[in-house]
Amino acid sequence: MLQQILALIIIAFFLSRLFWQKKNGLLGINEFIFWLFFWIIAALAIISIKWIDELVAGLGFTGSGIEVLLYLGVVILFYFIFRLRLRLERIERDITKIVRNIASNNLNSKK
């Protein structure tokens, strides 16, 4: 129970920072909505951890609900890292094309 209360306090802190960043214009609406849903879902998962434990046991897993949530969280993080890496690769390609285009235009204008 103490762990749940601490986790909810931490989530409340992150939510307050989220609203502060939105108020100061540091976040776009899409990013704000994403993180708002993320933290709300995290809070709901913490509140309903006993139900998740029962669900996990009913599905035949030997671990507790918090372990399953942890594994799921790690999988989701790896997916986000993968997507971020793909986006970074695309940005690097675009920057390379732009730099080549600028260099080519500068070379042609000097002739």
C-alpha atoms as a PDB file:
ATOM      1  CA  MET A   1       0.000   0.000   0.000  1.00  0.00           C
ATOM      2  CA  LEU A   2       2.857   2.388   0.835  1.00  0.00           C
ATOM      3  CA  GLN A   3       4.418   1.733  -2.581  1.00  0.00           C
ATOM      4  CA  GLN A   4       1.138   2.600  -4.285  1.00  0.00           C
ATOM      5  CA  ILE A   5       0.861   5.874  -2.373  1.00  0.00           C
ATOM      6  CA  LEU A   6       4.462   6.803  -3.203  1.00  0.00           C
ATOM      7  CA  ALA A   7       3.940   5.939  -6.855  1.00  0.00           C
ATOM      8  CA  LEU A   8       0.770   8.048  -6.987  1.00  0.00           C
ATOM      9  CA  ILE A   9       2.590  10.984  -5.368  1.00  0.00           C
ATOM     10  CA  ILE A  10       5.335  10.713  -7.986  1.00  0.00           C
ATOM     11  CA  ILE A  11       2.733  10.589 -10.770  1.00  0.00           C
ATOM     12  CA  ALA A  12       0.998  13.642  -9.275  1.00  0.00           C
ATOM     13  CA  PHE A  13       4.350  15.457  -9.366  1.00  0.00           C
ATOM     14  CA  PHE A  14       4.870  14.523 -13.022  1.00  0.00           C
ATOM     15  CA  LEU A  15       1.334  15.628 -13.856  1.00  0.00           C
ATOM     16  CA  SER A  16       1.917  18.990 -12.169  1.00  0.00           C
ATOM     17  CA  ARG A  17       5.132  19.436 -14.192  1.00  0.00           C
ATOM     18  CA  LEU A  18       3.241  18.462 -17.336  1.00  0.00           C
ATOM     19  CA  PHE A  19       0.588  21.117 -16.754  1.00  0.00           C
ATOM     20  CA  TRP A  20       3.270  23.686 -15.869  1.00  0.00           C
ATOM     21  CA  GLN A  21       5.139  22.967 -19.117  1.00  0.00           C
ATOM     22  CA  LYS A  22       1.909  23.247 -21.124  1.00  0.00           C
ATOM     23  CA  LYS A  23       1.035  26.529 -19.409  1.00  0.00           C
ATOM     24  CA  ASN A  24       4.461  27.965 -20.272  1.00  0.00           C
ATOM     25  CA  GLY A  25       4.227  26.843 -23.893  1.00  0.00           C
ATOM     26  CA  LEU A  26       6.995  24.254 -23.686  1.00  0.00           C
ATOM     27  CA  LEU A  27       4.759  21.426 -24.952  1.00  0.00           C
ATOM     28  CA  GLY A  28       2.597  21.098 -28.024  1.00  0.00           C
ATOM     29  CA  ILE A  29      -0.972  19.887 -27.692  1.00  0.00           C
ATOM     30  CA  ASN A  30      -0.221  16.429 -29.132  1.00  0.00           C
ATOM     31  CA  GLU A  31       2.694  15.837 -26.797  1.00  0.00           C
ATOM     32  CA  PHE A  32       0.662  17.131 -23.843  1.00  0.00           C
ATOM     33  CA  ILE A  33      -2.231  14.787 -24.605  1.00  0.00           C
ATOM     34  CA  PHE A  34       0.108  11.813 -25.070  1.00  0.00           C
ATOM     35  CA  TRP A  35       1.830  12.347 -21.723  1.00  0.00           C
ATOM     36  CA  LEU A  36      -1.442  13.134 -19.956  1.00  0.00           C
ATOM     37  CA  PHE A  37      -2.925   9.817 -21.090  1.00  0.00           C
ATOM     38  CA  PHE A  38       0.316   8.017 -20.240  1.00  0.00           C
ATOM     39  CA  TRP A  39       0.354   9.251 -16.633  1.00  0.00           C
ATOM     40  CA  ILE A  40      -3.385   8.708 -16.166  1.00  0.00           C
ATOM     41  CA  ILE A  41      -3.075   5.115 -17.403  1.00  0.00           C
ATOM     42  CA  ALA A  42      -0.069   4.605 -15.101  1.00  0.00           C
ATOM     43  CA  ALA A  43      -2.086   5.880 -12.128  1.00  0.00           C
ATOM     44  CA  LEU A  44      -5.025   3.640 -13.025  1.00  0.00           C
ATOM     45  CA  ALA A  45      -2.692   0.642 -13.308  1.00  0.00           C
ATOM     46  CA  ILE A  46      -1.280   1.370  -9.858  1.00  0.00           C
ATOM     47  CA  ILE A  47      -4.725   1.833  -8.337  1.00  0.00           C
ATOM     48  CA  SER A  48      -6.008  -1.418  -9.852  1.00  0.00           C
ATOM     49  CA  ILE A  49      -2.906  -3.517  -9.176  1.00  0.00           C
ATOM     50  CA  LYS A  50      -4.872  -6.155  -7.212  1.00  0.00           C
ATOM     51  CA  TRP A  51      -7.236  -6.635 -10.133  1.00  0.00           C
ATOM     52  CA  ILE A  52      -4.237  -6.917 -12.453  1.00  0.00           C
ATOM     53  CA  ASP A  53      -2.735  -9.535 -10.102  1.00  0.00           C
ATOM     54  CA  GLU A  54      -5.943 -11.566 -10.310  1.00  0.00           C
ATOM     55  CA  LEU A  55      -6.065 -11.200 -14.104  1.00  0.00           C
ATOM     56  CA  VAL A  56      -2.448 -12.314 -14.473  1.00  0.00           C
ATOM     57  CA  ALA A  57      -3.016 -15.307 -12.192  1.00  0.00           C
ATOM     58  CA  GLY A  58      -6.174 -16.188 -14.133  1.00  0.00           C
ATOM     59  CA  LEU A  59      -4.204 -16.165 -17.379  1.00  0.00           C
ATOM     60  CA  GLY A  60      -1.765 -18.668 -15.887  1.00  0.00           C
ATOM     61  CA  PHE A  61       1.297 -16.472 -15.410  1.00  0.00           C
ATOM     62  CA  THR A  62       3.376 -17.106 -12.340  1.00  0.00           C
ATOM     63  CA  GLY A  63       4.508 -13.510 -11.822  1.00  0.00           C
ATOM     64  CA  SER A  64       2.614 -10.785 -10.074  1.00  0.00           C
ATOM     65  CA  GLY A  65       0.762  -8.018 -11.852  1.00  0.00           C
ATOM     66  CA  ILE A  66       3.489  -5.481 -11.177  1.00  0.00           C
ATOM     67  CA  GLU A  67       6.036  -7.735 -12.872  1.00  0.00           C
ATOM     68  CA  VAL A  68       3.822  -8.048 -15.934  1.00  0.00           C
ATOM     69  CA  LEU A  69       3.401  -4.253 -16.006  1.00  0.00           C
ATOM     70  CA  LEU A  70       7.170  -3.870 -15.744  1.00  0.00           C
ATOM     71  CA  TYR A  71       7.772  -6.287 -18.631  1.00  0.00           C
ATOM     72  CA  LEU A  72       5.121  -4.546 -20.698  1.00  0.00           C
ATOM     73  CA  GLY A  73       6.699  -1.180 -19.916  1.00  0.00           C
ATOM     74  CA  VAL A  74      10.132  -2.388 -21.026  1.00  0.00           C
ATOM     75  CA  VAL A  75       8.692  -3.713 -24.294  1.00  0.00           C
ATOM     76  CA  ILE A  76       6.931  -0.408 -24.950  1.00  0.00           C
ATOM     77  CA  LEU A  77      10.117   1.535 -24.186  1.00  0.00           C
ATOM     78  CA  PHE A  78      12.100  -0.579 -26.644  1.00  0.00           C
ATOM     79  CA  TYR A  79       9.414   0.056 -29.264  1.00  0.00           C
ATOM     80  CA  PHE A  80       9.636   3.818 -28.663  1.00  0.00           C
ATOM     81  CA  ILE A  81      13.443   3.687 -28.882  1.00  0.00           C
ATOM     82  CA  PHE A  82      13.148   1.816 -32.169  1.00  0.00           C
ATOM     83  CA  ARG A  83      10.721   4.422 -33.567  1.00  0.00           C
ATOM     84  CA  LEU A  84      12.933   7.247 -32.341  1.00  0.00           C
ATOM     85  CA  ARG A  85      15.963   5.684 -34.027  1.00  0.00           C
ATOM     86  CA  LEU A  86      14.074   5.408 -37.322  1.00  0.00           C
ATOM     87  CA  ARG A  87      13.015   9.042 -37.092  1.00  0.00           C
ATOM     88  CA  LEU A  88      16.568  10.100 -36.307  1.00  0.00           C
ATOM     89  CA  GLU A  89      17.869   8.185 -39.349  1.00  0.00           C
ATOM     90  CA  ARG A  90      15.323   9.964 -41.562  1.00  0.00           C
ATOM     91  CA  ILE A  91      16.294  13.367 -40.148  1.00  0.00           C
ATOM     92  CA  GLU A  92      19.981  12.637 -40.740  1.00  0.00           C
ATOM     93  CA  ARG A  93      19.238  11.677 -44.364  1.00  0.00           C
ATOM     94  CA  ASP A  94      17.224  14.869 -44.860  1.00  0.00           C
ATOM     95  CA  ILE A  95      19.993  17.008 -43.363  1.00  0.00           C
ATOM     96  CA  THR A  96      22.539  15.336 -45.635  1.00  0.00           C
ATOM     97  CA  LYS A  97      20.385  16.100 -48.695  1.00  0.00           C
ATOM     98  CA  ILE A  98      19.972  19.730 -47.633  1.00  0.00           C
ATOM     99  CA  VAL A  99      23.695  20.201 -46.996  1.00  0.00           C
ATOM    100  CA  ARG A 100      24.562  18.636 -50.361  1.00  0.00           C
ATOM    101  CA  ASN A 101      22.033  20.878 -52.087  1.00  0.00           C
ATOM    102  CA  ILE A 102      23.410  24.006 -50.384  1.00  0.00           C
ATOM    103  CA  ALA A 103      26.998  23.011 -51.195  1.00  0.00           C
ATOM    104  CA  SER A 104      26.071  22.342 -54.812  1.00  0.00           C
ATOM    105  CA  ASN A 105      24.293  25.703 -55.097  1.00  0.00           C
ATOM    106  CA  ASN A 106      27.279  27.514 -53.545  1.00  0.00           C
ATOM    107  CA  LEU A 107      29.661  25.755 -55.906  1.00  0.00           C
ATOM    108  CA  ASN A 108      27.521  26.636 -58.945  1.00  0.00           C
ATOM    109  CA  SER A 109      27.153  30.274 -57.895  1.00  0.00           C
ATOM    110  CA  LYS A 110      30.952  30.705 -57.550  1.00  0.00           C
ATOM    111  CA  LYS A 111      31.556  29.626 -61.163  1.00  0.00           C
END
